[in-house]
Amino acid sequence: MWRFNDRQVPDIRTALPGPKAAALLERDARYISQSYTRIYPLVVERGSGAVIEDVDGNLFLDFTAGIAVNSTGHCHPDVVAAIQDQSTKLLHMSGTDFYYSPEIDLAEKLAQIAPGPTPKKVFFTNSGAESIEAALKLARWHTGRGRVIAFFGAFHGRTYGAMSLSGSKLPHRRGFSPLVPDIHHTEFPSICEGCVQLSGCACVKRIEDELMHRVAPPDEVAAIFVEAIQGEGGYRIAPPGFLEGLRELCDKHGIMMVVDEVQSGMGRTGKMFAIEHWGIEPDMICLAKGIASGLPLGAMIAKTSVMDWPSGSHASTFGGNPVSCRAALATIKLLESEYIVNAEERGKQLRAGLTILSRKHACLGQVRGMGLMTAVDVVKEGPAPALREKIIQKAFHRGLLLLGCGESAIRFCPPLCITTEEVDVCLRLLDQAIGS
């Protein structure tokens, strides 16, 4: 155990949910949309680093980071200071119609750190889904083409364009047809137990020989949307040759390669952008989640030659909000100074520990990931989603916050400030949860 305000973490002092939490859950059920996917009855009061305190005073070790959003931890003092300073100067003036330095400063920084030597420009949004929507519009504008290719297992968001690109789970799409037309899905190659089920090169060849030969003429395809590591799809990593082959395919046919870094970007994989592990320069990158350590902000970064749409063709009232931009600048500074390196080191520690646990517990399958974007499958003669959910619940009642992803995987996406000791505590609590 380690300590927080002279208390050990985790520290569960009430039944879960506690009395204050239970009262709030009743009000929540009365007034908030049931479309939200609450996993367990956690009612949060405050957070610091990788610690969450609920309204009843229980302390939890957080390995969710607000779904990979709080990249520098909850309420990092440097990020809070930037927010407080900016909030006394300017809360909002809409970068769509006016100018202010935080938005310009952040755009310059993102253009500089984006992978590849080609000059870049930035369009700001409020969320990952909006970044995807912006990229979809720009790809169709720039190429003059209408068709788009995406992958099964992908999750790009819940607005109509992003939902139409997604191919992860039926509840995301059921009942919402008609979707955006001319979006074609194909298999995402995956690595299972060290064996490539569908090799990267074979997958790219199939796209060209089958999909583009039968239903999506390459001269009508505007873009290919891809996650280097599928997030909601199960933290599935693109195998060797796949992303490189996609880049070659896009170059061959004048297609935009759009990489979704909403969950994998901003240092989570041990590099600022996951695509850097493959040495590829996309035509567009979509960001959100960890970019501003908890404040709503997204961005679509595109090559300057690609971002050629005219004034008024796309805009956002709140995208590039000055307070969010200041938080993002503070976040990037922290990532570059220490947390990207820490993500790589703690990720290796976490996966080594999970591998040991997988030898102890037959229900744990493949361990995979990069940096602090790590997952382990829960299996029982095949995928076992019900058992996965039971383990997550058991972990919650022991004070460890986890989430699932894919068909039956547990994901580990803690703040990038996570410590060696905190990783050890997580592994011990997971071991206890499974053993129970």
Protein backbone atom coordinates (compact mmCIF):
# COMPACT_ATOMS: atom_id res chain seq x y z
CA MET A 1 0.00 0.00 0.00
CA TRP A 2 1.00 3.63 -0.38
CA ARG A 3 -0.40 6.75 1.27
CA PHE A 4 -2.60 9.69 0.31
CA ASN A 5 -3.16 12.46 2.87
CA ASP A 6 -1.84 10.04 5.55
CA ARG A 7 -4.20 7.30 4.35
CA GLN A 8 -3.36 4.10 2.57
CA VAL A 9 -4.59 3.76 -1.01
CA PRO A 10 -6.91 2.10 -1.68
CA ASP A 11 -8.98 2.61 1.47
CA ILE A 12 -12.60 1.44 1.35
CA ARG A 13 -14.49 2.46 4.51
CA THR A 14 -18.14 1.94 3.52
CA ALA A 15 -20.23 -0.51 1.60
CA LEU A 16 -20.20 0.37 -2.10
CA PRO A 17 -22.07 2.44 -2.93
CA GLY A 18 -21.91 4.35 0.36
CA PRO A 19 -24.90 6.30 1.72
CA LYS A 20 -24.06 9.61 0.03
CA ALA A 21 -23.31 7.86 -3.24
CA ALA A 22 -26.58 5.90 -3.08
CA ALA A 23 -28.58 9.11 -2.67
CA LEU A 24 -26.86 10.67 -5.69
CA LEU A 25 -27.42 7.52 -7.75
CA GLU A 26 -31.16 7.84 -7.14
CA ARG A 27 -31.14 11.44 -8.41
CA ASP A 28 -28.98 10.43 -11.36
CA ALA A 29 -31.49 7.76 -12.39
CA ARG A 30 -34.26 10.35 -12.26
CA TYR A 31 -32.61 13.09 -14.33
CA ILE A 32 -29.76 11.76 -16.50
CA SER A 33 -30.04 9.88 -19.79
CA GLN A 34 -29.93 6.11 -19.43
CA SER A 35 -27.80 5.90 -22.58
CA TYR A 36 -24.67 6.38 -20.48
CA THR A 37 -22.73 3.18 -19.79
CA ARG A 38 -21.96 3.22 -16.06
CA ILE A 39 -19.82 0.22 -15.11
CA TYR A 40 -20.02 0.39 -11.31
CA PRO A 41 -21.51 2.80 -8.74
CA LEU A 42 -18.55 5.15 -8.34
CA VAL A 43 -19.62 8.69 -7.39
CA VAL A 44 -16.49 10.85 -7.50
CA GLU A 45 -15.78 13.78 -5.19
CA ARG A 46 -12.19 14.64 -6.14
CA GLY A 47 -8.98 13.27 -7.57
CA SER A 48 -5.24 13.76 -7.28
CA GLY A 49 -2.63 11.98 -9.37
CA ALA A 50 -3.86 8.40 -9.68
CA VAL A 51 -6.16 8.59 -6.65
CA ILE A 52 -9.94 9.06 -6.66
CA GLU A 53 -11.93 9.88 -3.54
CA ASP A 54 -15.68 9.23 -3.66
CA VAL A 55 -18.38 11.22 -1.90
CA ASP A 56 -18.29 8.85 1.08
CA GLY A 57 -14.54 9.26 1.61
CA ASN A 58 -13.42 5.98 0.03
CA LEU A 59 -10.09 6.07 -1.79
CA PHE A 60 -9.51 4.23 -5.08
CA LEU A 61 -6.45 3.60 -7.23
CA ASP A 62 -7.44 4.80 -10.69
CA PHE A 63 -6.28 2.80 -13.71
CA THR A 64 -8.88 4.38 -16.01
CA ALA A 65 -7.79 8.06 -16.01
CA GLY A 66 -11.29 9.13 -17.07
CA ILE A 67 -11.04 6.77 -20.08
CA ALA A 68 -7.44 7.73 -20.92
CA VAL A 69 -8.17 11.47 -20.55
CA ASN A 70 -6.29 12.58 -17.42
CA SER A 71 -2.89 12.02 -18.97
CA THR A 72 -0.91 13.93 -16.31
CA GLY A 73 -3.09 12.65 -13.48
CA HIS A 74 -6.04 14.19 -11.71
CA CYS A 75 -5.60 17.91 -11.02
CA HIS A 76 -1.88 18.15 -11.74
CA PRO A 77 -0.74 21.39 -10.05
CA ASP A 78 0.93 22.72 -13.21
CA VAL A 79 -2.22 22.15 -15.27
CA VAL A 80 -4.43 23.63 -12.54
CA ALA A 81 -2.16 26.69 -12.33
CA ALA A 82 -2.42 27.24 -16.09
CA ILE A 83 -6.22 26.92 -15.92
CA GLN A 84 -6.47 29.32 -12.98
CA ASP A 85 -4.22 31.89 -14.63
CA GLN A 86 -6.08 31.80 -17.95
CA SER A 87 -9.51 31.86 -16.28
CA THR A 88 -8.74 35.29 -14.82
CA LYS A 89 -7.90 36.67 -18.28
CA LEU A 90 -10.22 35.17 -20.89
CA LEU A 91 -12.71 32.31 -20.70
CA HIS A 92 -14.06 32.44 -24.24
CA MET A 93 -13.97 34.55 -27.38
CA SER A 94 -14.37 31.86 -30.12
CA GLY A 95 -11.32 31.22 -32.26
CA THR A 96 -13.69 30.77 -35.19
CA ASP A 97 -14.20 34.55 -35.39
CA PHE A 98 -11.35 36.11 -33.42
CA TYR A 99 -7.72 35.56 -32.43
CA TYR A 100 -5.99 34.87 -29.11
CA SER A 101 -2.53 33.63 -28.27
CA PRO A 102 -3.28 30.34 -26.39
CA GLU A 103 -4.95 28.89 -29.48
CA ILE A 104 -2.15 30.05 -31.77
CA ASP A 105 0.54 28.85 -29.35
CA LEU A 106 -1.02 25.39 -29.10
CA ALA A 107 -1.54 25.08 -32.86
CA GLU A 108 2.12 25.94 -33.41
CA LYS A 109 3.22 23.36 -30.83
CA LEU A 110 1.03 20.60 -32.26
CA ALA A 111 2.22 21.34 -35.80
CA GLN A 112 5.81 21.10 -34.59
CA ILE A 113 5.50 17.82 -32.71
CA ALA A 114 3.25 16.01 -35.21
CA PRO A 115 5.13 13.17 -36.92
CA GLY A 116 6.83 13.79 -40.24
CA PRO A 117 8.67 16.73 -41.84
CA THR A 118 5.73 18.11 -43.86
CA PRO A 119 4.30 21.46 -42.64
CA LYS A 120 1.05 21.07 -40.70
CA LYS A 121 -2.03 23.08 -39.75
CA VAL A 122 -4.53 22.49 -36.93
CA PHE A 123 -8.31 22.61 -36.63
CA PHE A 124 -9.57 22.63 -33.02
CA THR A 125 -12.63 20.76 -31.76
CA ASN A 126 -14.19 19.81 -28.42
CA SER A 127 -13.94 16.02 -28.63
CA GLY A 128 -12.56 13.04 -30.48
CA ALA A 129 -15.77 12.49 -32.43
CA GLU A 130 -15.66 16.09 -33.65
CA SER A 131 -12.03 15.64 -34.73
CA ILE A 132 -13.08 12.60 -36.75
CA GLU A 133 -15.98 14.50 -38.30
CA ALA A 134 -13.62 17.31 -39.29
CA ALA A 135 -11.22 14.85 -40.92
CA LEU A 136 -14.07 13.15 -42.81
CA LYS A 137 -15.24 16.49 -44.20
CA LEU A 138 -11.74 17.64 -45.10
CA ALA A 139 -10.86 14.35 -46.81
CA ARG A 140 -13.93 14.56 -49.02
CA TRP A 141 -13.32 18.25 -49.76
CA HIS A 142 -9.63 17.89 -50.54
CA THR A 143 -9.93 14.82 -52.76
CA GLY A 144 -13.32 15.53 -54.31
CA ARG A 145 -14.19 11.90 -53.61
CA GLY A 146 -16.99 10.38 -51.56
CA ARG A 147 -16.03 6.88 -50.43
CA VAL A 148 -14.17 6.04 -47.21
CA ILE A 149 -12.65 2.83 -45.86
CA ALA A 150 -12.61 1.91 -42.15
CA PHE A 151 -12.06 -1.25 -40.12
CA PHE A 152 -14.07 -3.72 -38.10
CA GLY A 153 -13.26 -3.31 -34.43
CA ALA A 154 -12.70 0.42 -34.82
CA PHE A 155 -14.38 2.99 -32.61
CA HIS A 156 -14.28 6.60 -33.78
CA GLY A 157 -17.15 8.18 -31.82
CA ARG A 158 -20.92 8.43 -31.62
CA THR A 159 -21.83 11.37 -33.86
CA TYR A 160 -23.16 10.32 -37.25
CA GLY A 161 -19.98 10.38 -39.32
CA ALA A 162 -17.87 8.90 -36.52
CA MET A 163 -20.53 6.28 -35.76
CA SER A 164 -20.69 5.32 -39.42
CA LEU A 165 -16.92 4.81 -39.45
CA SER A 166 -17.03 2.68 -36.30
CA GLY A 167 -17.31 -1.08 -36.46
CA SER A 168 -16.97 -2.09 -32.83
CA LYS A 169 -20.29 -2.90 -31.13
CA LEU A 170 -23.90 -3.17 -32.28
CA PRO A 171 -25.34 -0.87 -29.56
CA HIS A 172 -23.33 1.99 -31.08
CA ARG A 173 -25.26 1.64 -34.37
CA ARG A 174 -28.51 -0.25 -33.71
CA GLY A 175 -31.60 1.86 -34.36
CA PHE A 176 -29.78 4.85 -35.88
CA SER A 177 -29.94 4.07 -39.61
CA PRO A 178 -29.56 5.40 -42.19
CA LEU A 179 -25.90 6.06 -41.53
CA VAL A 180 -23.49 8.14 -43.61
CA PRO A 181 -23.27 6.39 -47.00
CA ASP A 182 -20.28 5.04 -48.91
CA ILE A 183 -18.27 3.95 -45.87
CA HIS A 184 -16.84 0.47 -46.40
CA HIS A 185 -15.47 -1.76 -43.64
CA THR A 186 -12.81 -4.44 -43.83
CA GLU A 187 -10.91 -6.65 -41.39
CA PHE A 188 -8.28 -5.19 -39.08
CA PRO A 189 -5.34 -7.60 -38.85
CA SER A 190 -4.58 -8.76 -35.34
CA ILE A 191 -1.85 -10.58 -33.48
CA CYS A 192 -3.01 -13.38 -31.21
CA GLU A 193 -0.66 -15.32 -28.92
CA GLY A 194 2.29 -14.25 -31.02
CA CYS A 195 0.75 -15.41 -34.32
CA VAL A 196 -0.55 -13.01 -36.93
CA GLN A 197 -4.09 -14.13 -37.77
CA LEU A 198 -4.15 -12.01 -40.91
CA SER A 199 -0.78 -10.56 -41.79
CA GLY A 200 -0.50 -6.82 -42.28
CA CYS A 201 0.68 -7.16 -45.87
CA ALA A 202 -2.04 -9.71 -46.69
CA CYS A 203 -4.69 -7.41 -45.24
CA VAL A 204 -3.57 -4.46 -47.34
CA LYS A 205 -3.42 -6.66 -50.42
CA ARG A 206 -6.97 -7.84 -49.74
CA ILE A 207 -8.18 -4.24 -49.49
CA GLU A 208 -6.77 -3.49 -52.94
CA ASP A 209 -7.56 -6.82 -54.62
CA GLU A 210 -11.04 -7.34 -53.18
CA LEU A 211 -12.58 -4.24 -51.61
CA MET A 212 -11.23 -1.79 -54.17
CA HIS A 213 -11.79 -4.24 -57.01
CA ARG A 214 -15.41 -5.04 -56.19
CA VAL A 215 -17.16 -2.25 -54.27
CA ALA A 216 -14.91 0.78 -53.67
CA PRO A 217 -13.08 1.99 -56.78
CA PRO A 218 -9.77 3.48 -55.58
CA ASP A 219 -10.27 6.66 -57.61
CA GLU A 220 -13.47 7.26 -55.60
CA VAL A 221 -11.94 6.64 -52.14
CA ALA A 222 -11.23 9.84 -50.22
CA ALA A 223 -9.65 8.38 -47.09
CA ILE A 224 -8.76 5.35 -45.03
CA PHE A 225 -9.44 5.85 -41.30
CA VAL A 226 -7.35 3.66 -39.01
CA GLU A 227 -6.25 3.32 -35.39
CA ALA A 228 -2.64 2.18 -35.01
CA ILE A 229 -3.86 0.50 -31.82
CA GLN A 230 -7.58 -0.15 -31.74
CA GLY A 231 -8.96 1.26 -28.49
CA GLU A 232 -12.52 0.14 -27.81
CA GLY A 233 -11.81 -2.75 -30.18
CA GLY A 234 -9.59 -4.36 -27.55
CA TYR A 235 -6.21 -2.57 -27.60
CA ARG A 236 -5.32 -4.52 -30.73
CA ILE A 237 -1.95 -3.47 -32.17
CA ALA A 238 -1.43 -3.27 -35.91
CA PRO A 239 0.97 -6.05 -36.97
CA PRO A 240 4.19 -5.47 -38.92
CA GLY A 241 3.69 -4.34 -42.50
CA PHE A 242 0.08 -3.24 -42.11
CA LEU A 243 0.36 0.50 -41.50
CA GLU A 244 3.35 0.74 -43.83
CA GLY A 245 1.30 -1.01 -46.51
CA LEU A 246 -1.65 1.32 -45.94
CA ARG A 247 0.63 4.33 -46.40
CA GLU A 248 1.88 2.91 -49.70
CA LEU A 249 -1.66 2.08 -50.83
CA CYS A 250 -2.86 5.61 -50.04
CA ASP A 251 0.09 7.16 -51.87
CA LYS A 252 -0.52 4.93 -54.89
CA HIS A 253 -4.15 6.01 -55.28
CA GLY A 254 -4.13 9.57 -53.91
CA ILE A 255 -6.06 8.55 -50.78
CA MET A 256 -5.80 10.38 -47.46
CA MET A 257 -4.42 8.28 -44.58
CA VAL A 258 -6.25 9.44 -41.44
CA VAL A 259 -4.91 8.11 -38.15
CA ASP A 260 -7.19 8.19 -35.10
CA GLU A 261 -4.96 8.99 -32.09
CA VAL A 262 -7.81 10.02 -29.81
CA GLN A 263 -7.00 7.33 -27.24
CA SER A 264 -3.46 6.34 -28.24
CA GLY A 265 -1.98 9.84 -28.64
CA MET A 266 -0.42 12.32 -26.21
CA GLY A 267 2.28 10.05 -24.84
CA ARG A 268 0.15 7.09 -23.83
CA THR A 269 2.15 4.50 -25.80
CA GLY A 270 5.59 5.80 -24.82
CA LYS A 271 5.76 8.19 -27.77
CA MET A 272 3.79 11.38 -28.30
CA PHE A 273 1.82 9.68 -31.09
CA ALA A 274 1.39 5.93 -31.45
CA ILE A 275 2.00 6.10 -35.21
CA GLU A 276 5.60 7.15 -34.45
CA HIS A 277 6.34 3.53 -33.48
CA TRP A 278 5.97 2.72 -37.19
CA GLY A 279 7.80 5.80 -38.53
CA ILE A 280 4.84 6.88 -40.67
CA GLU A 281 3.60 10.38 -41.48
CA PRO A 282 -0.21 10.41 -41.89
CA ASP A 283 -2.09 12.99 -43.94
CA MET A 284 -4.29 13.76 -40.92
CA ILE A 285 -4.21 12.94 -37.21
CA CYS A 286 -7.24 13.14 -34.92
CA LEU A 287 -6.68 13.97 -31.24
CA ALA A 288 -8.68 14.54 -28.05
CA LYS A 289 -8.84 12.75 -24.65
CA GLY A 290 -5.38 13.24 -23.08
CA ILE A 291 -4.52 16.47 -24.89
CA ALA A 292 -5.67 18.79 -22.07
CA SER A 293 -5.53 16.53 -18.98
CA GLY A 294 -9.28 16.56 -18.39
CA LEU A 295 -10.56 19.69 -20.09
CA PRO A 296 -12.66 19.28 -23.26
CA LEU A 297 -10.45 19.76 -26.30
CA GLY A 298 -9.77 17.98 -29.56
CA ALA A 299 -7.71 18.68 -32.64
CA MET A 300 -7.39 17.57 -36.22
CA ILE A 301 -3.85 18.03 -37.53
CA ALA A 302 -3.40 17.91 -41.31
CA LYS A 303 -0.65 18.54 -43.77
CA THR A 304 -0.78 22.18 -44.82
CA SER A 305 -1.27 21.14 -48.45
CA VAL A 306 -4.28 19.04 -47.42
CA MET A 307 -6.01 21.63 -45.22
CA ASP A 308 -7.17 23.63 -48.23
CA TRP A 309 -10.86 24.11 -47.44
CA PRO A 310 -12.15 27.70 -47.71
CA SER A 311 -13.23 30.10 -44.99
CA GLY A 312 -16.60 29.14 -43.50
CA SER A 313 -16.49 25.53 -44.70
CA HIS A 314 -16.02 24.25 -41.15
CA ALA A 315 -15.90 25.86 -37.72
CA SER A 316 -16.41 25.34 -33.98
CA THR A 317 -17.70 27.83 -31.44
CA PHE A 318 -15.84 26.33 -28.48
CA GLY A 319 -13.05 24.34 -30.17
CA GLY A 320 -9.72 25.88 -29.19
CA ASN A 321 -11.15 27.44 -26.02
CA PRO A 322 -8.38 29.53 -24.38
CA VAL A 323 -8.59 27.78 -21.00
CA SER A 324 -8.44 24.33 -22.61
CA CYS A 325 -5.53 25.43 -24.80
CA ARG A 326 -3.55 26.62 -21.77
CA ALA A 327 -4.22 23.28 -20.08
CA ALA A 328 -3.00 21.49 -23.20
CA LEU A 329 0.21 23.52 -23.38
CA ALA A 330 0.93 22.66 -19.73
CA THR A 331 0.10 19.02 -20.44
CA ILE A 332 2.47 18.74 -23.41
CA LYS A 333 5.28 20.33 -21.39
CA LEU A 334 4.84 17.70 -18.66
CA LEU A 335 4.62 14.87 -21.18
CA GLU A 336 7.82 15.93 -22.90
CA SER A 337 9.74 16.47 -19.67
CA GLU A 338 8.96 13.20 -17.87
CA TYR A 339 5.69 11.40 -18.46
CA ILE A 340 6.24 9.93 -21.92
CA VAL A 341 9.35 8.16 -20.66
CA ASN A 342 7.48 7.07 -17.54
CA ALA A 343 4.64 5.67 -19.66
CA GLU A 344 7.07 3.44 -21.53
CA GLU A 345 8.80 2.19 -18.36
CA ARG A 346 5.66 1.63 -16.29
CA GLY A 347 3.98 -0.06 -19.26
CA LYS A 348 6.77 -2.62 -19.43
CA GLN A 349 6.47 -3.21 -15.69
CA LEU A 350 2.69 -3.63 -15.97
CA ARG A 351 2.85 -6.09 -18.87
CA ALA A 352 5.56 -8.13 -17.14
CA GLY A 353 3.36 -8.37 -14.05
CA LEU A 354 0.28 -9.28 -16.08
CA THR A 355 2.26 -12.00 -17.85
CA ILE A 356 3.17 -13.50 -14.47
CA LEU A 357 -0.48 -13.36 -13.40
CA SER A 358 -1.54 -15.02 -16.67
CA ARG A 359 0.62 -18.02 -15.75
CA LYS A 360 -1.07 -18.19 -12.35
CA HIS A 361 -4.67 -17.67 -13.48
CA ALA A 362 -5.96 -19.72 -16.42
CA CYS A 363 -8.67 -17.12 -17.09
CA LEU A 364 -6.08 -14.56 -18.23
CA GLY A 365 -5.06 -14.83 -21.88
CA GLN A 366 -2.95 -12.65 -24.13
CA VAL A 367 -1.19 -9.63 -22.64
CA ARG A 368 -0.55 -6.84 -25.12
CA GLY A 369 0.01 -3.12 -25.45
CA MET A 370 2.46 -0.27 -25.79
CA GLY A 371 3.33 2.04 -22.94
CA LEU A 372 0.35 2.58 -20.66
CA MET A 373 -2.11 1.41 -23.29
CA THR A 374 -2.18 -2.20 -22.11
CA ALA A 375 -4.76 -4.98 -22.01
CA VAL A 376 -5.18 -8.62 -21.05
CA ASP A 377 -7.88 -10.94 -22.38
CA VAL A 378 -10.20 -12.81 -20.02
CA VAL A 379 -10.93 -16.26 -21.40
CA LYS A 380 -12.74 -19.47 -20.53
CA GLU A 381 -12.71 -21.79 -23.55
CA GLY A 382 -12.87 -18.60 -25.61
CA PRO A 383 -13.70 -14.97 -24.81
CA ALA A 384 -15.43 -14.59 -21.45
CA PRO A 385 -17.06 -11.14 -21.22
CA ALA A 386 -19.22 -12.06 -18.20
CA LEU A 387 -16.18 -13.22 -16.26
CA ARG A 388 -14.33 -10.06 -17.32
CA GLU A 389 -17.12 -7.92 -15.87
CA LYS A 390 -17.12 -9.95 -12.65
CA ILE A 391 -13.37 -9.39 -12.22
CA ILE A 392 -13.77 -5.64 -12.81
CA GLN A 393 -16.51 -5.51 -10.16
CA LYS A 394 -14.39 -7.46 -7.68
CA ALA A 395 -11.50 -5.05 -8.33
CA PHE A 396 -13.78 -2.05 -7.75
CA HIS A 397 -14.84 -3.36 -4.35
CA ARG A 398 -11.15 -3.70 -3.48
CA GLY A 399 -10.50 -0.11 -4.50
CA LEU A 400 -9.05 -0.60 -8.00
CA LEU A 401 -10.74 1.16 -10.92
CA LEU A 402 -10.60 -0.73 -14.22
CA LEU A 403 -12.52 -0.78 -17.51
CA GLY A 404 -13.07 -3.34 -20.23
CA CYS A 405 -12.46 -3.10 -23.96
CA GLY A 406 -12.98 -5.37 -26.92
CA GLU A 407 -14.94 -8.57 -26.52
CA SER A 408 -13.46 -9.67 -23.19
CA ALA A 409 -10.31 -7.69 -22.40
CA ILE A 410 -9.46 -5.65 -19.33
CA ARG A 411 -7.78 -2.37 -20.25
CA PHE A 412 -5.19 -0.54 -18.20
CA CYS A 413 -4.93 3.15 -19.09
CA PRO A 414 -3.80 4.90 -15.88
CA PRO A 415 -2.48 8.45 -15.70
CA LEU A 416 1.00 8.69 -17.19
CA CYS A 417 2.31 9.87 -13.82
CA ILE A 418 1.65 6.40 -12.33
CA THR A 419 4.46 5.15 -10.09
CA THR A 420 6.28 1.84 -9.75
CA GLU A 421 4.57 1.21 -6.42
CA GLU A 422 1.12 2.00 -7.81
CA VAL A 423 1.61 -0.52 -10.62
CA ASP A 424 2.57 -3.13 -8.02
CA VAL A 425 -0.56 -2.32 -5.99
CA CYS A 426 -2.71 -2.67 -9.13
CA LEU A 427 -1.27 -6.08 -9.92
CA ARG A 428 -1.76 -7.31 -6.36
CA LEU A 429 -5.37 -6.14 -6.26
CA LEU A 430 -6.10 -7.72 -9.64
CA ASP A 431 -4.59 -10.97 -8.39
CA GLN A 432 -6.89 -10.83 -5.34
CA ALA A 433 -9.94 -9.98 -7.45
CA ILE A 434 -9.37 -12.97 -9.72
CA GLY A 435 -8.59 -15.25 -6.80
CA SER A 436 -11.85 -14.31 -5.11
